[in-house]
Protein backbone atom coordinates (compact mmCIF):
# COMPACT_ATOMS: atom_id res chain seq x y z
CA UNK A 1 -34.40 -30.12 -54.99
CA UNK A 2 -31.30 -30.30 -52.88
CA UNK A 3 -29.72 -27.23 -51.33
CA UNK A 4 -26.80 -27.29 -53.76
CA UNK A 5 -29.17 -27.41 -56.72
CA UNK A 6 -31.15 -24.46 -55.36
CA UNK A 7 -27.94 -22.45 -55.03
CA UNK A 8 -26.93 -23.36 -58.58
CA UNK A 9 -30.43 -22.43 -59.81
CA UNK A 10 -30.16 -19.03 -58.12
CA UNK A 11 -26.80 -18.38 -59.78
CA UNK A 12 -28.09 -19.65 -63.15
CA UNK A 13 -31.13 -17.37 -62.83
CA UNK A 14 -29.13 -14.30 -61.81
CA UNK A 15 -27.09 -14.28 -65.03
CA UNK A 16 -29.97 -14.03 -67.54
CA UNK A 17 -31.93 -11.72 -65.23
CA UNK A 18 -29.01 -9.26 -65.12
CA UNK A 19 -28.32 -9.49 -68.86
CA UNK A 20 -31.97 -9.11 -69.86
CA UNK A 21 -32.52 -6.28 -67.37
CA UNK A 22 -29.48 -4.38 -68.63
CA UNK A 23 -30.56 -4.98 -72.23
CA UNK A 24 -34.06 -3.62 -71.59
CA UNK A 25 -32.58 -0.71 -69.63
CA UNK A 26 -30.18 0.11 -72.46
CA UNK A 27 -33.01 -0.05 -74.99
CA UNK A 28 -35.14 2.26 -72.86
CA UNK A 29 -32.26 4.72 -72.47
CA UNK A 30 -31.50 4.77 -76.21
CA UNK A 31 -35.21 5.18 -76.99
CA UNK A 32 -35.29 8.18 -74.67
CA UNK A 33 -32.25 10.00 -76.05
CA UNK A 34 -29.12 8.18 -74.87
CA UNK A 35 -26.38 7.49 -77.37
CA UNK A 36 -26.82 4.32 -79.44
CA UNK A 37 -23.16 3.64 -78.63
CA UNK A 38 -24.40 2.08 -75.36
CA UNK A 39 -25.41 -0.91 -77.49
CA UNK A 40 -21.74 -1.64 -78.16
CA UNK A 41 -21.20 -2.83 -74.58
CA UNK A 42 -23.38 -5.84 -75.40
CA UNK A 43 -21.21 -6.91 -78.35
CA UNK A 44 -19.26 -9.08 -75.90
CA UNK A 45 -22.42 -11.20 -75.56
CA UNK A 46 -24.04 -10.96 -78.99
CA UNK A 47 -23.60 -9.59 -82.50
CA UNK A 48 -26.58 -7.27 -81.99
CA UNK A 49 -27.44 -6.95 -85.67
CA UNK A 50 -30.41 -4.59 -85.51
CA UNK A 51 -32.51 -6.47 -88.07
CA UNK A 52 -32.24 -9.61 -85.91
CA UNK A 53 -33.12 -7.88 -82.63
CA UNK A 54 -36.48 -7.52 -80.97
CA UNK A 55 -37.80 -3.97 -80.88
CA UNK A 56 -39.28 -2.25 -77.84
CA UNK A 57 -40.09 1.48 -77.62
CA UNK A 58 -39.47 1.52 -81.40
CA UNK A 59 -35.80 0.76 -80.66
CA UNK A 60 -33.94 -2.50 -81.34
CA UNK A 61 -32.58 -4.25 -78.26
CA UNK A 62 -28.77 -4.61 -78.07
CA UNK A 63 -28.96 -8.43 -78.06
CA UNK A 64 -30.59 -10.43 -80.83
CA UNK A 65 -33.88 -12.30 -80.65
CA UNK A 66 -32.11 -15.68 -80.38
CA UNK A 67 -29.94 -14.61 -77.43
CA UNK A 68 -32.92 -12.97 -75.73
CA UNK A 69 -34.86 -16.22 -76.10
CA UNK A 70 -31.93 -18.32 -74.82
CA UNK A 71 -31.78 -16.20 -71.66
CA UNK A 72 -35.56 -16.43 -71.28
CA UNK A 73 -35.34 -20.19 -71.87
CA UNK A 74 -32.75 -20.51 -69.10
CA UNK A 75 -35.22 -18.89 -66.70
CA UNK A 76 -38.09 -21.06 -67.95
CA UNK A 77 -35.92 -24.19 -67.59
CA UNK A 78 -35.22 -23.36 -63.96
CA UNK A 79 -38.96 -23.11 -63.29
CA UNK A 80 -39.65 -26.31 -65.23
CA UNK A 81 -37.01 -28.16 -63.22
CA UNK A 82 -39.20 -27.63 -60.16
CA UNK A 83 -42.36 -28.78 -61.95
CA UNK A 84 -41.16 -31.80 -63.92
CA UNK A 85 -40.52 -35.22 -62.43
CA UNK A 86 -36.87 -36.07 -61.79
CA UNK A 87 -34.96 -37.43 -64.76
CA UNK A 88 -31.49 -38.87 -65.05
CA UNK A 89 -28.58 -36.76 -66.21
CA UNK A 90 -28.09 -38.81 -69.36
CA UNK A 91 -31.71 -38.32 -70.39
CA UNK A 92 -31.42 -34.59 -69.62
CA UNK A 93 -28.23 -34.36 -71.69
CA UNK A 94 -29.88 -36.09 -74.64
CA UNK A 95 -32.90 -33.77 -74.32
CA UNK A 96 -30.56 -30.77 -74.27
CA UNK A 97 -28.85 -31.89 -77.49
CA UNK A 98 -32.23 -32.55 -79.09
CA UNK A 99 -33.41 -29.06 -78.05
CA UNK A 100 -30.20 -27.39 -79.27
CA UNK A 101 -30.07 -29.16 -82.64
CA UNK A 102 -32.74 -26.95 -84.31
CA UNK A 103 -30.87 -23.87 -83.05
CA UNK A 104 -27.65 -25.16 -84.58
CA UNK A 105 -29.31 -25.98 -87.89
CA UNK A 106 -31.05 -22.59 -88.02
CA UNK A 107 -27.87 -20.71 -87.17
CA UNK A 108 -25.66 -22.72 -89.52
CA UNK A 109 -27.97 -22.44 -92.52
CA UNK A 110 -28.25 -18.71 -91.89
CA UNK A 111 -24.47 -18.33 -91.47
CA UNK A 112 -23.80 -20.14 -94.75
CA UNK A 113 -26.38 -17.87 -96.45
CA UNK A 114 -28.55 -20.81 -97.51
CA UNK A 115 -31.50 -18.87 -96.16
CA UNK A 116 -32.41 -16.02 -93.82
CA UNK A 117 -33.99 -16.97 -90.52
CA UNK A 118 -36.90 -15.09 -88.96
CA UNK A 119 -37.13 -13.66 -85.47
CA UNK A 120 -40.01 -16.05 -84.70
CA UNK A 121 -37.79 -19.02 -85.56
CA UNK A 122 -34.85 -17.54 -83.64
CA UNK A 123 -37.09 -17.16 -80.59
CA UNK A 124 -38.48 -20.70 -80.83
CA UNK A 125 -35.07 -22.34 -81.24
CA UNK A 126 -33.48 -20.11 -78.58
CA UNK A 127 -36.19 -20.89 -76.03
CA UNK A 128 -35.89 -24.63 -76.64
CA UNK A 129 -32.09 -24.54 -76.31
CA UNK A 130 -32.20 -22.39 -73.17
CA UNK A 131 -34.75 -24.66 -71.49
CA UNK A 132 -32.80 -27.77 -72.49
CA UNK A 133 -29.53 -26.38 -71.16
CA UNK A 134 -31.05 -25.28 -67.83
CA UNK A 135 -32.71 -28.66 -67.29
CA UNK A 136 -29.47 -30.52 -68.09
CA UNK A 137 -27.27 -28.25 -65.95
CA UNK A 138 -29.53 -28.44 -62.90
CA UNK A 139 -30.02 -32.19 -63.31
CA UNK A 140 -26.23 -32.61 -63.44
CA UNK A 141 -25.83 -30.60 -60.23
CA UNK A 142 -28.66 -32.51 -58.57
CA UNK A 143 -27.19 -35.89 -59.47
CA UNK A 144 -23.45 -35.26 -59.01
CA UNK A 145 -22.77 -32.79 -56.23
CA UNK A 146 -22.62 -34.55 -52.88
CA UNK A 147 -24.76 -32.94 -50.22
CA UNK A 148 -23.08 -31.34 -47.19
CA UNK A 149 -24.15 -34.32 -45.03
CA UNK A 150 -22.67 -36.81 -47.50
CA UNK A 151 -19.35 -34.99 -47.83
CA UNK A 152 -18.84 -34.72 -44.05
CA UNK A 153 -19.29 -38.47 -43.42
CA UNK A 154 -16.09 -40.38 -42.71
CA UNK A 155 -15.04 -42.91 -45.33
CA UNK A 156 -15.59 -46.53 -44.35
């Protein structure tokens, strides 16, 4: 991976690490006596409907299972980018849309009250979408950002 891609990967990893860490910390604090109102700070990121959230320490997390899985998928996608052979951006974009389609279908059918999703399905679709997005985003950076050596060359 190029330097620019590694920097982008570090930034992409920092976001879900911070969000997931704060979510787990909030859950721990609420489980140990803090006000449940702390969960409201996460409403900017997620609806946080308790029945759709994962539970740790017998307390629902402030972000839902799908969002938790998307953030975990972003981290997994960054790791997979290092392990998988290089692919083109177009192929990565198509893979991202293919990975996000089940998430969209699951969310839309749940939103329209056609059926109620399960946390297992929310986790599976969230992980796939998160991995697909991370692979596409890092592939786009890898393929499009000129390296420092390329950008400092004089034009011919």
